[in-house]
C-alpha atoms as a PDB file:
ATOM      1  CA  UNK A   1     235.416 102.984 103.510  1.00  0.00           C
ATOM      2  CA  UNK A   2     236.797 103.648 100.037  1.00  0.00           C
ATOM      3  CA  UNK A   3     239.039 100.829  98.829  1.00  0.00           C
ATOM      4  CA  UNK A   4     241.018 100.893  95.576  1.00  0.00           C
ATOM      5  CA  UNK A   5     244.395  99.984  94.142  1.00  0.00           C
ATOM      6  CA  UNK A   6     247.117 102.346  92.971  1.00  0.00           C
ATOM      7  CA  UNK A   7     250.502 102.073  91.323  1.00  0.00           C
ATOM      8  CA  UNK A   8     251.736 101.175  87.865  1.00  0.00           C
ATOM      9  CA  UNK A   9     250.352  97.651  88.209  1.00  0.00           C
ATOM     10  CA  UNK A  10     247.745  98.387  90.908  1.00  0.00           C
ATOM     11  CA  UNK A  11     249.988  96.704  93.416  1.00  0.00           C
ATOM     12  CA  UNK A  12     249.174  98.978  96.388  1.00  0.00           C
ATOM     13  CA  UNK A  13     245.900  98.752  98.283  1.00  0.00           C
ATOM     14  CA  UNK A  14     244.556 102.072  99.599  1.00  0.00           C
ATOM     15  CA  UNK A  15     241.848 102.431 102.263  1.00  0.00           C
ATOM     16  CA  UNK A  16     240.445 105.676 103.617  1.00  0.00           C
ATOM     17  CA  UNK A  17     237.168 107.332 104.571  1.00  0.00           C
ATOM     18  CA  UNK A  18     235.086 108.886 101.744  1.00  0.00           C
ATOM     19  CA  UNK A  19     236.070 112.454 102.624  1.00  0.00           C
ATOM     20  CA  UNK A  20     237.749 113.635  99.391  1.00  0.00           C
ATOM     21  CA  UNK A  21     235.458 115.213  96.760  1.00  0.00           C
ATOM     22  CA  UNK A  22     236.019 118.021  94.265  1.00  0.00           C
ATOM     23  CA  UNK A  23     234.089 121.163  95.121  1.00  0.00           C
ATOM     24  CA  UNK A  24     232.905 121.978  91.596  1.00  0.00           C
ATOM     25  CA  UNK A  25     231.523 118.620  90.461  1.00  0.00           C
ATOM     26  CA  UNK A  26     230.888 116.921  93.847  1.00  0.00           C
ATOM     27  CA  UNK A  27     232.746 113.837  92.618  1.00  0.00           C
ATOM     28  CA  UNK A  28     234.519 111.489  95.012  1.00  0.00           C
ATOM     29  CA  UNK A  29     238.273 111.457  94.477  1.00  0.00           C
ATOM     30  CA  UNK A  30     241.059 109.000  95.170  1.00  0.00           C
ATOM     31  CA  UNK A  31     244.747 109.494  95.782  1.00  0.00           C
ATOM     32  CA  UNK A  32     246.770 109.509  92.603  1.00  0.00           C
ATOM     33  CA  UNK A  33     249.300 106.751  91.998  1.00  0.00           C
ATOM     34  CA  UNK A  34     252.079 109.335  92.072  1.00  0.00           C
ATOM     35  CA  UNK A  35     250.972 110.567  95.501  1.00  0.00           C
ATOM     36  CA  UNK A  36     250.713 107.014  96.818  1.00  0.00           C
ATOM     37  CA  UNK A  37     254.289 106.380  95.694  1.00  0.00           C
ATOM     38  CA  UNK A  38     255.309 109.627  97.431  1.00  0.00           C
ATOM     39  CA  UNK A  39     253.684 108.501 100.670  1.00  0.00           C
ATOM     40  CA  UNK A  40     255.375 105.112 100.549  1.00  0.00           C
ATOM     41  CA  UNK A  41     258.764 106.670  99.896  1.00  0.00           C
ATOM     42  CA  UNK A  42     258.388 109.056 102.838  1.00  0.00           C
ATOM     43  CA  UNK A  43     257.943 106.175 105.273  1.00  0.00           C
ATOM     44  CA  UNK A  44     260.824 103.953 104.160  1.00  0.00           C
ATOM     45  CA  UNK A  45     263.239 105.096 106.872  1.00  0.00           C
ATOM     46  CA  UNK A  46     260.714 106.336 109.426  1.00  0.00           C
ATOM     47  CA  UNK A  47     259.731 104.478 112.583  1.00  0.00           C
ATOM     48  CA  UNK A  48     255.939 104.637 113.076  1.00  0.00           C
ATOM     49  CA  UNK A  49     254.678 105.922 116.404  1.00  0.00           C
ATOM     50  CA  UNK A  50     251.481 106.251 118.390  1.00  0.00           C
ATOM     51  CA  UNK A  51     249.326 109.189 117.220  1.00  0.00           C
ATOM     52  CA  UNK A  52     249.649 111.098 120.519  1.00  0.00           C
ATOM     53  CA  UNK A  53     253.427 110.747 120.421  1.00  0.00           C
ATOM     54  CA  UNK A  54     253.675 111.894 116.800  1.00  0.00           C
ATOM     55  CA  UNK A  55     251.519 114.997 117.167  1.00  0.00           C
ATOM     56  CA  UNK A  56     252.926 115.773 120.610  1.00  0.00           C
ATOM     57  CA  UNK A  57     256.284 116.473 118.983  1.00  0.00           C
ATOM     58  CA  UNK A  58     254.646 119.401 117.140  1.00  0.00           C
ATOM     59  CA  UNK A  59     251.895 120.652 119.470  1.00  0.00           C
ATOM     60  CA  UNK A  60     252.221 119.285 122.976  1.00  0.00           C
ATOM     61  CA  UNK A  61     248.880 120.684 124.136  1.00  0.00           C
ATOM     62  CA  UNK A  62     246.829 118.540 121.713  1.00  0.00           C
ATOM     63  CA  UNK A  63     248.560 115.215 122.354  1.00  0.00           C
ATOM     64  CA  UNK A  64     245.759 114.152 124.690  1.00  0.00           C
ATOM     65  CA  UNK A  65     243.196 114.539 121.899  1.00  0.00           C
ATOM     66  CA  UNK A  66     244.980 111.757 119.970  1.00  0.00           C
ATOM     67  CA  UNK A  67     245.373 109.389 122.934  1.00  0.00           C
ATOM     68  CA  UNK A  68     243.011 106.404 122.812  1.00  0.00           C
ATOM     69  CA  UNK A  69     241.510 104.627 125.841  1.00  0.00           C
ATOM     70  CA  UNK A  70     243.535 101.744 127.192  1.00  0.00           C
ATOM     71  CA  UNK A  71     241.235  99.028 125.807  1.00  0.00           C
ATOM     72  CA  UNK A  72     241.990 100.125 122.176  1.00  0.00           C
ATOM     73  CA  UNK A  73     245.206  99.465 120.291  1.00  0.00           C
ATOM     74  CA  UNK A  74     246.479 102.744 118.796  1.00  0.00           C
ATOM     75  CA  UNK A  75     247.530 102.547 115.141  1.00  0.00           C
ATOM     76  CA  UNK A  76     251.183 103.062 114.373  1.00  0.00           C
ATOM     77  CA  UNK A  77     251.325 106.272 112.407  1.00  0.00           C
ATOM     78  CA  UNK A  78     253.762 107.711 109.863  1.00  0.00           C
ATOM     79  CA  UNK A  79     253.379 111.461 109.459  1.00  0.00           C
ATOM     80  CA  UNK A  80     253.766 112.715 105.889  1.00  0.00           C
ATOM     81  CA  UNK A  81     255.578 116.034 106.241  1.00  0.00           C
ATOM     82  CA  UNK A  82     258.194 116.508 103.506  1.00  0.00           C
ATOM     83  CA  UNK A  83     258.208 120.310 103.798  1.00  0.00           C
ATOM     84  CA  UNK A  84     258.793 120.244 107.533  1.00  0.00           C
ATOM     85  CA  UNK A  85     255.628 122.039 108.608  1.00  0.00           C
ATOM     86  CA  UNK A  86     255.623 123.143 112.226  1.00  0.00           C
ATOM     87  CA  UNK A  87     252.955 123.667 114.845  1.00  0.00           C
ATOM     88  CA  UNK A  88     249.295 123.082 114.087  1.00  0.00           C
ATOM     89  CA  UNK A  89     249.948 122.951 110.315  1.00  0.00           C
ATOM     90  CA  UNK A  90     251.728 119.625 110.820  1.00  0.00           C
ATOM     91  CA  UNK A  91     248.788 117.903 112.525  1.00  0.00           C
ATOM     92  CA  UNK A  92     247.258 115.134 110.370  1.00  0.00           C
ATOM     93  CA  UNK A  93     243.885 115.924 108.839  1.00  0.00           C
ATOM     94  CA  UNK A  94     243.189 112.288 108.014  1.00  0.00           C
ATOM     95  CA  UNK A  95     244.691 108.803 108.149  1.00  0.00           C
ATOM     96  CA  UNK A  96     245.168 106.713 105.030  1.00  0.00           C
ATOM     97  CA  UNK A  97     245.914 102.989 105.117  1.00  0.00           C
ATOM     98  CA  UNK A  98     248.306 101.885 102.369  1.00  0.00           C
ATOM     99  CA  UNK A  99     249.526  98.297 102.338  1.00  0.00           C
ATOM    100  CA  UNK A 100     248.609  97.905 106.021  1.00  0.00           C
ATOM    101  CA  UNK A 101     250.537 101.012 107.121  1.00  0.00           C
ATOM    102  CA  UNK A 102     248.873 104.188 108.383  1.00  0.00           C
ATOM    103  CA  UNK A 103     249.938 107.548 106.986  1.00  0.00           C
ATOM    104  CA  UNK A 104     248.844 110.809 108.566  1.00  0.00           C
ATOM    105  CA  UNK A 105     248.437 113.602 106.005  1.00  0.00           C
ATOM    106  CA  UNK A 106     248.182 117.275 107.033  1.00  0.00           C
ATOM    107  CA  UNK A 107     245.585 119.332 105.164  1.00  0.00           C
ATOM    108  CA  UNK A 108     248.266 121.542 103.600  1.00  0.00           C
ATOM    109  CA  UNK A 109     249.418 118.616 101.417  1.00  0.00           C
ATOM    110  CA  UNK A 110     245.981 117.780  99.999  1.00  0.00           C
ATOM    111  CA  UNK A 111     246.383 119.825  96.810  1.00  0.00           C
ATOM    112  CA  UNK A 112     244.479 119.160  93.578  1.00  0.00           C
ATOM    113  CA  UNK A 113     247.460 117.593  91.818  1.00  0.00           C
ATOM    114  CA  UNK A 114     247.520 114.736  94.344  1.00  0.00           C
ATOM    115  CA  UNK A 115     244.063 113.422  93.415  1.00  0.00           C
ATOM    116  CA  UNK A 116     242.323 111.766  90.505  1.00  0.00           C
ATOM    117  CA  UNK A 117     238.889 110.345  89.753  1.00  0.00           C
ATOM    118  CA  UNK A 118     236.975 113.314  88.288  1.00  0.00           C
ATOM    119  CA  UNK A 119     236.989 113.238  84.487  1.00  0.00           C
ATOM    120  CA  UNK A 120     235.661 116.802  84.220  1.00  0.00           C
ATOM    121  CA  UNK A 121     238.437 118.193  86.408  1.00  0.00           C
ATOM    122  CA  UNK A 122     241.023 116.272  84.378  1.00  0.00           C
ATOM    123  CA  UNK A 123     239.614 117.628  81.098  1.00  0.00           C
ATOM    124  CA  UNK A 124     239.678 121.246  82.314  1.00  0.00           C
ATOM    125  CA  UNK A 125     243.347 121.068  83.243  1.00  0.00           C
ATOM    126  CA  UNK A 126     244.911 122.748  86.292  1.00  0.00           C
ATOM    127  CA  UNK A 127     242.340 124.436  88.463  1.00  0.00           C
ATOM    128  CA  UNK A 128     242.358 128.211  88.439  1.00  0.00           C
ATOM    129  CA  UNK A 129     243.054 129.998  91.640  1.00  0.00           C
ATOM    130  CA  UNK A 130     239.867 130.548  93.559  1.00  0.00           C
ATOM    131  CA  UNK A 131     238.664 134.015  94.448  1.00  0.00           C
ATOM    132  CA  UNK A 132     238.899 134.957  98.102  1.00  0.00           C
ATOM    133  CA  UNK A 133     235.571 134.864  99.934  1.00  0.00           C
ATOM    134  CA  UNK A 134     233.621 138.112 100.049  1.00  0.00           C
ATOM    135  CA  UNK A 135     234.086 140.089 103.207  1.00  0.00           C
ATOM    136  CA  UNK A 136     231.108 139.907 105.496  1.00  0.00           C
ATOM    137  CA  UNK A 137     229.222 143.181 106.074  1.00  0.00           C
ATOM    138  CA  UNK A 138     229.874 144.942 109.326  1.00  0.00           C
ATOM    139  CA  UNK A 139     227.408 145.140 112.217  1.00  0.00           C
ATOM    140  CA  UNK A 140     224.286 147.111 111.394  1.00  0.00           C
ATOM    141  CA  UNK A 141     224.614 146.768 107.628  1.00  0.00           C
ATOM    142  CA  UNK A 142     222.912 144.365 105.236  1.00  0.00           C
ATOM    143  CA  UNK A 143     224.335 142.465 102.301  1.00  0.00           C
ATOM    144  CA  UNK A 144     222.568 144.868  99.918  1.00  0.00           C
ATOM    145  CA  UNK A 145     224.662 147.757 101.284  1.00  0.00           C
ATOM    146  CA  UNK A 146     227.983 146.149 100.338  1.00  0.00           C
ATOM    147  CA  UNK A 147     229.649 147.982  97.462  1.00  0.00           C
ATOM    148  CA  UNK A 148     227.373 151.033  97.586  1.00  0.00           C
ATOM    149  CA  UNK A 149     228.892 154.503  98.072  1.00  0.00           C
ATOM    150  CA  UNK A 150     228.211 156.169 101.347  1.00  0.00           C
ATOM    151  CA  UNK A 151     225.342 158.704 101.238  1.00  0.00           C
ATOM    152  CA  UNK A 152     226.242 162.350 101.815  1.00  0.00           C
ATOM    153  CA  UNK A 153     225.348 163.753 105.203  1.00  0.00           C
ATOM    154  CA  UNK A 154     222.286 166.078 105.187  1.00  0.00           C
ATOM    155  CA  UNK A 155     223.015 169.827 105.469  1.00  0.00           C
ATOM    156  CA  UNK A 156     223.184 171.132 108.981  1.00  0.00           C
ATOM    157  CA  UNK A 157     220.438 173.538 110.059  1.00  0.00           C
ATOM    158  CA  UNK A 158     220.809 176.537 112.321  1.00  0.00           C
ATOM    159  CA  UNK A 159     220.019 174.381 115.331  1.00  0.00           C
ATOM    160  CA  UNK A 160     222.978 172.145 114.481  1.00  0.00           C
ATOM    161  CA  UNK A 161     225.453 174.954 113.826  1.00  0.00           C
ATOM    162  CA  UNK A 162     226.538 175.163 117.448  1.00  0.00           C
ATOM    163  CA  UNK A 163     225.820 178.940 117.593  1.00  0.00           C
ATOM    164  CA  UNK A 164     223.487 179.973 120.378  1.00  0.00           C
ATOM    165  CA  UNK A 165     220.793 182.322 119.213  1.00  0.00           C
ATOM    166  CA  UNK A 166     219.566 185.184 121.398  1.00  0.00           C
ATOM    167  CA  UNK A 167     215.955 185.706 122.498  1.00  0.00           C
ATOM    168  CA  UNK A 168     213.444 186.833 119.896  1.00  0.00           C
ATOM    169  CA  UNK A 169     212.722 190.133 121.762  1.00  0.00           C
ATOM    170  CA  UNK A 170     215.971 191.937 122.580  1.00  0.00           C
ATOM    171  CA  UNK A 171     214.157 194.891 124.218  1.00  0.00           C
ATOM    172  CA  UNK A 172     215.454 197.385 121.648  1.00  0.00           C
ATOM    173  CA  UNK A 173     212.828 199.213 119.596  1.00  0.00           C
ATOM    174  CA  UNK A 174     213.625 199.497 115.926  1.00  0.00           C
ATOM    175  CA  UNK A 175     213.384 202.895 114.257  1.00  0.00           C
ATOM    176  CA  UNK A 176     210.067 203.488 112.536  1.00  0.00           C
ATOM    177  CA  UNK A 177     208.376 200.564 114.216  1.00  0.00           C
ATOM    178  CA  UNK A 178     204.671 201.057 114.922  1.00  0.00           C
ATOM    179  CA  UNK A 179     203.409 201.536 118.450  1.00  0.00           C
ATOM    180  CA  UNK A 180     202.992 198.323 120.272  1.00  0.00           C
ATOM    181  CA  UNK A 181     205.864 196.730 118.427  1.00  0.00           C
ATOM    182  CA  UNK A 182     208.391 194.904 120.567  1.00  0.00           C
ATOM    183  CA  UNK A 183     210.707 197.437 122.166  1.00  0.00           C
ATOM    184  CA  UNK A 184     210.450 199.887 125.122  1.00  0.00           C
ATOM    185  CA  UNK A 185     207.221 199.488 127.152  1.00  0.00           C
ATOM    186  CA  UNK A 186     204.499 202.142 126.596  1.00  0.00           C
ATOM    187  CA  UNK A 187     204.701 205.131 128.993  1.00  0.00           C
ATOM    188  CA  UNK A 188     208.240 204.423 130.112  1.00  0.00           C
ATOM    189  CA  UNK A 189     210.602 207.394 130.080  1.00  0.00           C
ATOM    190  CA  UNK A 190     213.129 207.568 127.314  1.00  0.00           C
ATOM    191  CA  UNK A 191     216.624 206.487 128.211  1.00  0.00           C
ATOM    192  CA  UNK A 192     218.821 209.142 129.808  1.00  0.00           C
ATOM    193  CA  UNK A 193     221.627 210.335 127.568  1.00  0.00           C
ATOM    194  CA  UNK A 194     225.071 210.071 129.073  1.00  0.00           C
ATOM    195  CA  UNK A 195     225.960 213.193 131.107  1.00  0.00           C
ATOM    196  CA  UNK A 196     222.618 214.924 130.383  1.00  0.00           C
ATOM    197  CA  UNK A 197     219.886 216.114 132.722  1.00  0.00           C
ATOM    198  CA  UNK A 198     217.265 213.622 133.799  1.00  0.00           C
ATOM    199  CA  UNK A 199     214.317 213.375 131.450  1.00  0.00           C
ATOM    200  CA  UNK A 200     211.204 215.428 132.205  1.00  0.00           C
ATOM    201  CA  UNK A 201     208.086 213.586 133.121  1.00  0.00           C
ATOM    202  CA  UNK A 202     204.617 214.727 132.045  1.00  0.00           C
ATOM    203  CA  UNK A 203     202.155 216.556 134.335  1.00  0.00           C
END
């Protein structure tokens, strides 16, 4: 557990698990004195309740996940929710013990201005907004393909044009073609002209 004192005269004892650390410098953080005072003020007129009862008022389906076995005494919890978050956003991410009272804090309230303990973060001032994570490549593509223009499709050949080609030998002899060229078979009579007499055959 992390134990420290907060307030103008360090009059408030704070206990919580070591789960708060700045991403950039990997330095453990503590709640600021201003945030501790904000937590204490939020619980002045609030009656603490069992964890399953508190979260059940927001998401009934998860109340059982916060219900302890009968042989354990559940801690009386005060939910810090000044903005009135609803649904799953109001569920406490962690419990903090301040002056022997438990405060449940949703993750949405754990902003950078509510912590202290990293000198480098304090020297750099307010943290700049972080860039959104890069979109993962789609199925079948690698990370090296992200950001590259799509390659042009190869030109379509005659086989891909969708036009059906006729047979190589149409049976029609071209003018001036040498004997034996594809066309009318050798020795066959010439075609009969329309309306004319039948062609003469040789002796």
